[in-house]
Protein backbone atom coordinates (compact mmCIF):
# COMPACT_ATOMS: atom_id res chain seq x y z
CA MET A 1 105.40 85.85 80.08
CA LEU A 2 107.43 85.97 83.31
CA GLN A 3 109.08 89.18 82.29
CA ILE A 4 105.62 90.89 81.85
CA ALA A 5 104.46 89.61 85.23
CA LYS A 6 107.67 90.99 86.80
CA PHE A 7 107.08 94.37 85.11
CA LEU A 8 103.48 94.50 86.32
CA ALA A 9 104.47 93.48 89.84
CA LEU A 10 107.13 96.15 89.97
CA ALA A 11 104.70 98.75 88.72
CA LEU A 12 102.13 97.73 91.26
CA SER A 13 104.68 98.03 94.09
CA ILE A 14 105.78 101.47 92.92
CA LEU A 15 102.12 102.56 92.77
CA SER A 16 101.48 101.24 96.28
CA LEU A 17 104.54 103.18 97.57
CA CYS A 18 103.06 106.29 95.93
CA ALA A 19 99.76 105.58 97.70
CA LEU A 20 101.65 105.26 101.00
CA LEU A 21 103.11 108.75 100.42
CA GLY A 22 99.64 110.05 99.63
CA HIS A 23 98.19 108.65 102.86
CA ALA A 24 101.06 109.93 104.92
CA PHE A 25 101.19 113.51 103.61
CA PHE A 26 98.35 114.52 101.31
CA VAL A 27 95.17 114.07 103.34
CA PRO A 28 93.84 117.72 103.79
CA GLY A 29 92.02 118.55 106.96
CA SER A 30 93.08 115.61 109.01
CA SER A 31 95.28 115.57 112.10
CA TRP A 32 98.79 114.09 112.28
CA GLU A 33 97.51 111.14 114.29
CA ASP A 34 94.96 110.28 111.73
CA ARG A 35 97.53 110.52 109.03
CA LEU A 36 99.87 108.20 110.97
CA LEU A 37 97.13 105.59 111.39
CA ASP A 38 96.19 105.77 107.70
CA ALA A 39 99.88 105.49 106.73
CA LEU A 40 100.46 102.52 109.05
CA ALA A 41 97.45 100.71 107.50
CA MET A 42 98.75 101.55 104.07
CA LEU A 43 102.22 100.37 105.11
CA GLY A 44 100.92 96.86 105.72
CA LEU A 45 99.23 96.75 102.30
CA THR A 46 102.36 98.11 100.57
CA GLY A 47 104.60 95.68 102.38
CA SER A 48 102.47 92.73 101.32
CA ILE A 49 102.42 93.90 97.71
CA CYS A 50 106.22 94.50 97.67
CA PHE A 51 107.06 91.17 99.25
CA ALA A 52 104.71 89.37 96.88
CA SER A 53 106.45 91.10 94.00
CA GLY A 54 109.82 90.13 95.48
CA MET A 55 108.78 86.49 95.52
CA LEU A 56 107.91 86.83 91.86
CA PHE A 57 111.35 88.32 91.23
CA GLU A 58 112.94 85.31 92.85
CA ILE A 59 111.70 82.93 90.13
CA PRO A 60 114.69 82.23 87.86
CA ASN A 61 114.39 83.02 84.12
CA ARG A 62 115.72 79.64 82.97
CA LYS A 63 115.09 76.16 84.28
CA PHE A 64 118.81 75.39 84.69
CA ASP A 65 120.21 78.65 85.90
CA PRO A 66 123.83 78.45 87.05
CA GLU A 67 123.49 81.52 89.22
CA PRO A 68 121.76 81.09 92.58
CA THR A 69 118.48 82.95 93.00
CA PRO A 70 118.80 86.15 95.08
CA ARG A 71 117.37 86.23 98.56
CA LEU A 72 113.96 87.86 99.01
CA THR A 73 115.54 90.92 100.68
CA GLN A 74 117.86 91.44 97.70
CA THR A 75 115.07 91.66 95.08
CA LEU A 76 114.25 95.08 93.62
CA PRO A 77 110.67 95.48 94.91
CA VAL A 78 111.71 94.67 98.51
CA ARG A 79 114.69 97.09 98.29
CA LEU A 80 112.35 99.74 96.98
CA PHE A 81 110.00 99.02 99.92
CA PHE A 82 112.71 99.29 102.49
CA TRP A 83 114.19 102.57 101.00
CA GLY A 84 110.70 104.07 100.45
CA VAL A 85 109.60 103.29 103.96
CA GLY A 86 112.77 104.67 105.45
CA VAL A 87 112.53 107.97 103.47
CA THR A 88 108.84 108.27 104.21
CA ALA A 89 109.43 107.76 108.03
CA VAL A 90 112.23 110.38 108.09
CA MET A 91 110.09 112.86 106.13
CA PHE A 92 107.03 112.22 108.25
CA VAL A 93 108.93 112.77 111.51
CA LEU A 94 110.60 115.86 110.18
CA SER A 95 107.37 117.35 108.88
CA TRP A 96 105.62 116.55 112.17
CA PHE A 97 108.40 118.30 114.09
CA LEU A 98 108.37 121.38 111.87
CA ALA A 99 104.55 121.61 111.97
CA GLU A 100 104.47 121.38 115.81
CA TYR A 101 107.50 123.55 116.74
CA PHE A 102 108.56 125.73 113.83
CA VAL A 103 105.37 126.79 112.04
CA PRO A 104 103.75 128.28 115.19
CA MET A 105 106.72 130.64 115.47
CA ILE A 106 106.38 132.02 111.92
CA TRP A 107 102.56 131.86 111.56
CA LYS A 108 100.94 133.88 114.32
CA ASN A 109 97.29 133.75 113.16
CA GLN A 110 96.79 130.03 113.16
CA PRO A 111 93.25 128.66 112.53
CA TYR A 112 93.31 126.45 115.63
C-alpha cells in the first residue's frame, strides 16, 4: 500500500511541475509580469506538493530497516522540484530576455 501511495505522490508532484511550466509559459495574451506572479503562486503550491511527497518517500519500507532513511532533500520528489524550478527559472529569464531585446529586432510590425 505504501508503494502505491509513493507512486501517486510522485505522479502528483510531476503533474504539479507541469502545471508550473504551464503557468510560466503558456498563458496567451498575458504580460510577463502577470505570468511571473502566476508562476510564483504556482511555485508555492508545487513546492508544498513535492515536499509532502518527499515526506512520504522518507517512510521506510520495513519496520526494521538497517539503512538510514534519506534526508528530505535527498528524496526523488524534492530533487525533481529543485531541478524543475532551476530549469524553469533559467528558461523564464532567457525567454524574457529574448522577448524584450531580440524579438523587436527581427519583428518590425509588432502589435504593441
